[in-house]
């Protein structure tokens, strides 16, 4: 991620890959809500309206198959279902 809120140049690096269900937690103002906005982009398949200059790449790889890369320009083809339960989700209710 680049220019994505507090994530100016974030690389996943050695963090574990996501599983079927994931819980993100941390200190206040550590970037949890910001990263959840990336997942909302995956959920709703729209370009980032919160950080219009942001760039991101998401690599989806399965054993034995070539890796597919999704960006802010190809997010509408992301093949997985994502659901975000953050404060914005609860404020809509």
N, C-alpha and C. Protein backbone atom coordinates (compact mmCIF):
# COMPACT_ATOMS: atom_id res chain seq x y z
N UNK A 1 0.85 -1.17 0.00
CA UNK A 1 0.00 0.00 0.00
C UNK A 1 0.90 1.23 0.00
N UNK A 2 0.49 2.19 -0.79
CA UNK A 2 1.19 3.47 -0.81
C UNK A 2 0.17 4.59 -0.69
N UNK A 3 0.51 5.59 0.11
CA UNK A 3 -0.36 6.76 0.31
C UNK A 3 -1.75 6.37 0.79
N UNK A 4 -1.82 5.37 1.65
CA UNK A 4 -3.08 4.86 2.16
C UNK A 4 -3.16 5.21 3.65
N UNK A 5 -3.55 6.43 3.95
CA UNK A 5 -3.63 6.88 5.35
C UNK A 5 -2.27 6.80 6.02
N UNK A 6 -2.20 6.14 7.17
CA UNK A 6 -0.94 6.01 7.90
C UNK A 6 0.04 5.08 7.20
N UNK A 7 -0.44 4.32 6.22
CA UNK A 7 0.42 3.39 5.48
C UNK A 7 0.96 4.09 4.24
N UNK A 8 2.10 4.74 4.39
CA UNK A 8 2.67 5.48 3.27
C UNK A 8 3.43 4.58 2.30
N UNK A 9 4.01 3.52 2.80
CA UNK A 9 4.74 2.58 1.95
C UNK A 9 4.82 1.25 2.68
N UNK A 10 3.71 0.54 2.74
CA UNK A 10 3.59 -0.69 3.52
C UNK A 10 3.75 -1.91 2.63
N UNK A 11 4.60 -2.82 3.06
CA UNK A 11 4.80 -4.10 2.37
C UNK A 11 4.51 -5.21 3.38
N UNK A 12 3.71 -6.19 2.98
CA UNK A 12 3.29 -7.24 3.89
C UNK A 12 4.47 -7.98 4.49
N UNK A 13 5.53 -8.17 3.70
CA UNK A 13 6.77 -8.76 4.21
C UNK A 13 6.58 -10.10 4.88
N UNK A 14 6.98 -10.20 6.14
CA UNK A 14 6.99 -11.49 6.84
C UNK A 14 5.73 -11.76 7.66
N UNK A 15 4.70 -10.91 7.53
CA UNK A 15 3.45 -11.17 8.24
C UNK A 15 2.78 -12.42 7.67
N UNK A 16 2.05 -13.12 8.52
CA UNK A 16 1.34 -14.33 8.08
C UNK A 16 0.29 -13.99 7.02
N UNK A 17 0.05 -14.93 6.10
CA UNK A 17 -1.01 -14.77 5.12
C UNK A 17 -2.36 -14.83 5.83
N UNK A 18 -3.36 -14.21 5.21
CA UNK A 18 -4.70 -14.27 5.78
C UNK A 18 -5.30 -15.65 5.61
N UNK A 19 -6.16 -16.00 6.51
CA UNK A 19 -6.88 -17.28 6.49
C UNK A 19 -8.34 -17.00 6.12
N UNK A 20 -9.19 -17.99 6.30
CA UNK A 20 -10.61 -17.85 5.97
C UNK A 20 -11.27 -16.76 6.80
N UNK A 21 -10.94 -16.67 8.08
CA UNK A 21 -11.47 -15.62 8.96
C UNK A 21 -10.30 -15.04 9.72
N UNK A 22 -10.29 -13.70 9.85
CA UNK A 22 -9.17 -13.02 10.49
C UNK A 22 -9.68 -11.94 11.42
N UNK A 23 -8.98 -11.73 12.51
CA UNK A 23 -9.30 -10.69 13.47
C UNK A 23 -8.09 -9.77 13.56
N UNK A 24 -8.32 -8.49 13.39
CA UNK A 24 -7.24 -7.51 13.47
C UNK A 24 -7.46 -6.69 14.73
N UNK A 25 -6.45 -6.62 15.57
CA UNK A 25 -6.55 -5.86 16.81
C UNK A 25 -5.24 -5.13 17.06
N UNK A 26 -5.28 -4.11 17.87
CA UNK A 26 -4.08 -3.36 18.20
C UNK A 26 -4.43 -2.12 19.00
N UNK A 27 -3.40 -1.36 19.30
CA UNK A 27 -3.57 -0.13 20.07
C UNK A 27 -4.39 0.88 19.28
N UNK A 28 -4.99 1.81 20.01
CA UNK A 28 -5.69 2.92 19.35
C UNK A 28 -4.71 3.67 18.45
N UNK A 29 -5.21 4.11 17.31
CA UNK A 29 -4.44 4.88 16.33
C UNK A 29 -3.25 4.10 15.75
N UNK A 30 -3.38 2.77 15.70
CA UNK A 30 -2.30 1.96 15.12
C UNK A 30 -2.57 1.60 13.67
N UNK A 31 -3.73 1.99 13.11
CA UNK A 31 -4.01 1.75 11.70
C UNK A 31 -5.05 0.67 11.41
N UNK A 32 -5.74 0.19 12.44
CA UNK A 32 -6.73 -0.88 12.24
C UNK A 32 -7.88 -0.42 11.33
N UNK A 33 -8.45 0.74 11.60
CA UNK A 33 -9.55 1.23 10.78
C UNK A 33 -9.07 1.53 9.37
N UNK A 34 -7.88 2.06 9.25
CA UNK A 34 -7.34 2.36 7.92
C UNK A 34 -7.19 1.10 7.09
N UNK A 35 -6.65 0.05 7.68
CA UNK A 35 -6.50 -1.19 6.90
C UNK A 35 -7.87 -1.81 6.63
N UNK A 36 -8.84 -1.60 7.53
CA UNK A 36 -10.18 -2.12 7.26
C UNK A 36 -10.80 -1.43 6.05
N UNK A 37 -10.39 -0.19 5.78
CA UNK A 37 -10.88 0.51 4.58
C UNK A 37 -10.39 -0.16 3.31
N UNK A 38 -9.19 -0.74 3.36
CA UNK A 38 -8.71 -1.52 2.21
C UNK A 38 -9.62 -2.73 2.01
N UNK A 39 -9.99 -3.38 3.09
CA UNK A 39 -10.87 -4.54 2.97
C UNK A 39 -12.27 -4.14 2.53
N UNK A 40 -12.71 -2.93 2.87
CA UNK A 40 -14.01 -2.46 2.37
C UNK A 40 -13.96 -2.26 0.86
N UNK A 41 -12.81 -1.84 0.35
CA UNK A 41 -12.66 -1.74 -1.10
C UNK A 41 -12.85 -3.12 -1.72
N UNK A 42 -12.31 -4.16 -1.09
CA UNK A 42 -12.50 -5.53 -1.58
C UNK A 42 -13.96 -5.96 -1.45
N UNK A 43 -14.59 -5.57 -0.35
CA UNK A 43 -15.98 -5.95 -0.11
C UNK A 43 -16.91 -5.36 -1.16
N UNK A 44 -16.77 -4.06 -1.43
CA UNK A 44 -17.70 -3.37 -2.32
C UNK A 44 -17.20 -3.22 -3.75
N UNK A 45 -15.94 -3.64 -3.99
CA UNK A 45 -15.35 -3.62 -5.34
C UNK A 45 -15.35 -2.23 -5.97
N UNK A 46 -15.00 -1.22 -5.20
CA UNK A 46 -14.90 0.13 -5.75
C UNK A 46 -13.53 0.70 -5.46
N UNK A 47 -13.15 1.67 -6.26
CA UNK A 47 -11.87 2.34 -6.03
C UNK A 47 -11.92 3.10 -4.72
N UNK A 48 -10.77 3.37 -4.19
CA UNK A 48 -10.66 4.00 -2.88
C UNK A 48 -11.11 5.46 -2.91
N UNK A 49 -12.19 5.74 -2.21
CA UNK A 49 -12.66 7.12 -2.14
C UNK A 49 -12.10 7.85 -0.91
N UNK A 50 -11.59 7.10 0.06
CA UNK A 50 -11.05 7.72 1.27
C UNK A 50 -9.66 8.31 1.02
N UNK A 51 -8.86 7.62 0.23
CA UNK A 51 -7.49 8.06 -0.07
C UNK A 51 -7.31 7.99 -1.58
N UNK A 52 -7.77 9.00 -2.31
CA UNK A 52 -7.80 8.93 -3.78
C UNK A 52 -6.44 8.74 -4.44
N UNK A 53 -5.35 9.15 -3.79
CA UNK A 53 -4.02 8.97 -4.38
C UNK A 53 -3.40 7.63 -4.01
N UNK A 54 -4.12 6.83 -3.26
CA UNK A 54 -3.56 5.57 -2.77
C UNK A 54 -3.37 4.56 -3.89
N UNK A 55 -2.38 3.71 -3.68
CA UNK A 55 -2.12 2.60 -4.59
C UNK A 55 -2.00 1.34 -3.75
N UNK A 56 -2.45 0.23 -4.29
CA UNK A 56 -2.26 -1.03 -3.59
C UNK A 56 -2.19 -2.17 -4.58
N UNK A 57 -1.55 -3.24 -4.14
CA UNK A 57 -1.49 -4.49 -4.88
C UNK A 57 -1.83 -5.60 -3.91
N UNK A 58 -2.69 -6.50 -4.33
CA UNK A 58 -3.04 -7.67 -3.54
C UNK A 58 -2.72 -8.88 -4.39
N UNK A 59 -1.88 -9.75 -3.85
CA UNK A 59 -1.49 -10.96 -4.57
C UNK A 59 -2.32 -12.13 -4.06
N UNK A 60 -2.91 -12.84 -4.98
CA UNK A 60 -3.71 -14.02 -4.63
C UNK A 60 -3.03 -15.22 -5.29
N UNK A 61 -2.54 -16.10 -4.46
CA UNK A 61 -1.85 -17.27 -4.99
C UNK A 61 -2.37 -18.55 -4.38
N UNK A 62 -2.51 -19.54 -5.22
CA UNK A 62 -2.89 -20.87 -4.76
C UNK A 62 -1.83 -21.84 -5.23
N UNK A 63 -1.60 -22.82 -4.43
CA UNK A 63 -0.55 -23.78 -4.75
C UNK A 63 -0.77 -24.39 -6.13
N UNK A 64 0.26 -24.33 -6.95
CA UNK A 64 0.20 -24.91 -8.28
C UNK A 64 -0.38 -24.01 -9.35
N UNK A 65 -0.87 -22.83 -8.97
CA UNK A 65 -1.46 -21.90 -9.93
C UNK A 65 -0.64 -20.61 -9.95
N UNK A 66 -0.66 -19.90 -11.07
CA UNK A 66 0.06 -18.63 -11.10
C UNK A 66 -0.57 -17.60 -10.17
N UNK A 67 0.25 -16.73 -9.63
CA UNK A 67 -0.21 -15.67 -8.74
C UNK A 67 -0.94 -14.61 -9.54
N UNK A 68 -2.09 -14.17 -9.03
CA UNK A 68 -2.85 -13.09 -9.65
C UNK A 68 -2.67 -11.84 -8.80
N UNK A 69 -2.48 -10.71 -9.45
CA UNK A 69 -2.30 -9.43 -8.77
C UNK A 69 -3.52 -8.56 -9.03
N UNK A 70 -4.08 -8.00 -7.97
CA UNK A 70 -5.21 -7.08 -8.07
C UNK A 70 -4.75 -5.71 -7.59
N UNK A 71 -5.12 -4.67 -8.30
CA UNK A 71 -4.75 -3.29 -7.94
C UNK A 71 -6.01 -2.46 -7.81
N UNK A 72 -5.84 -1.18 -7.51
CA UNK A 72 -6.99 -0.28 -7.42
C UNK A 72 -7.72 -0.19 -8.75
N UNK A 73 -7.05 -0.51 -9.85
CA UNK A 73 -7.69 -0.43 -11.17
C UNK A 73 -8.37 -1.73 -11.59
N UNK A 74 -8.04 -2.84 -10.93
CA UNK A 74 -8.63 -4.13 -11.31
C UNK A 74 -9.41 -4.78 -10.16
N UNK A 75 -9.70 -4.00 -9.12
CA UNK A 75 -10.34 -4.55 -7.93
C UNK A 75 -11.73 -5.12 -8.22
N UNK A 76 -12.38 -4.64 -9.26
CA UNK A 76 -13.71 -5.15 -9.59
C UNK A 76 -13.68 -6.61 -10.02
N UNK A 77 -12.50 -7.18 -10.27
CA UNK A 77 -12.39 -8.59 -10.65
C UNK A 77 -11.94 -9.47 -9.48
N UNK A 78 -11.81 -8.90 -8.28
CA UNK A 78 -11.37 -9.67 -7.11
C UNK A 78 -12.37 -10.79 -6.84
N UNK A 79 -11.92 -12.06 -6.78
CA UNK A 79 -12.86 -13.19 -6.78
C UNK A 79 -13.38 -13.66 -5.42
N UNK A 80 -12.99 -13.02 -4.32
CA UNK A 80 -13.36 -13.54 -3.01
C UNK A 80 -14.38 -12.65 -2.31
N UNK A 81 -15.16 -13.24 -1.42
CA UNK A 81 -16.11 -12.50 -0.61
C UNK A 81 -15.40 -11.99 0.63
N UNK A 82 -15.56 -10.70 0.90
CA UNK A 82 -14.95 -10.07 2.06
C UNK A 82 -16.06 -9.33 2.81
N UNK A 83 -16.06 -9.45 4.13
CA UNK A 83 -17.02 -8.72 4.95
C UNK A 83 -16.26 -8.02 6.06
N UNK A 84 -16.49 -6.72 6.23
CA UNK A 84 -15.79 -5.92 7.22
C UNK A 84 -16.75 -5.53 8.33
N UNK A 85 -16.35 -5.78 9.56
CA UNK A 85 -17.12 -5.37 10.73
C UNK A 85 -16.25 -4.39 11.52
N UNK A 86 -16.30 -3.14 11.14
CA UNK A 86 -15.56 -2.11 11.87
C UNK A 86 -16.56 -1.10 12.41
N UNK A 87 -16.06 -0.01 12.96
CA UNK A 87 -16.97 0.97 13.57
C UNK A 87 -17.93 1.56 12.54
N UNK A 88 -17.49 1.72 11.29
CA UNK A 88 -18.38 2.24 10.25
C UNK A 88 -19.54 1.29 10.00
N UNK A 89 -19.29 -0.02 10.05
CA UNK A 89 -20.34 -1.01 9.87
C UNK A 89 -21.40 -0.85 10.95
N UNK A 90 -20.97 -0.70 12.19
CA UNK A 90 -21.92 -0.59 13.29
C UNK A 90 -22.63 0.75 13.32
N UNK A 91 -21.98 1.79 12.83
CA UNK A 91 -22.62 3.11 12.79
C UNK A 91 -23.73 3.18 11.75
N UNK A 92 -23.69 2.29 10.73
CA UNK A 92 -24.75 2.26 9.72
C UNK A 92 -26.02 1.64 10.25
N UNK A 93 -25.89 0.78 11.24
CA UNK A 93 -27.05 0.03 11.76
C UNK A 93 -28.01 0.91 12.51
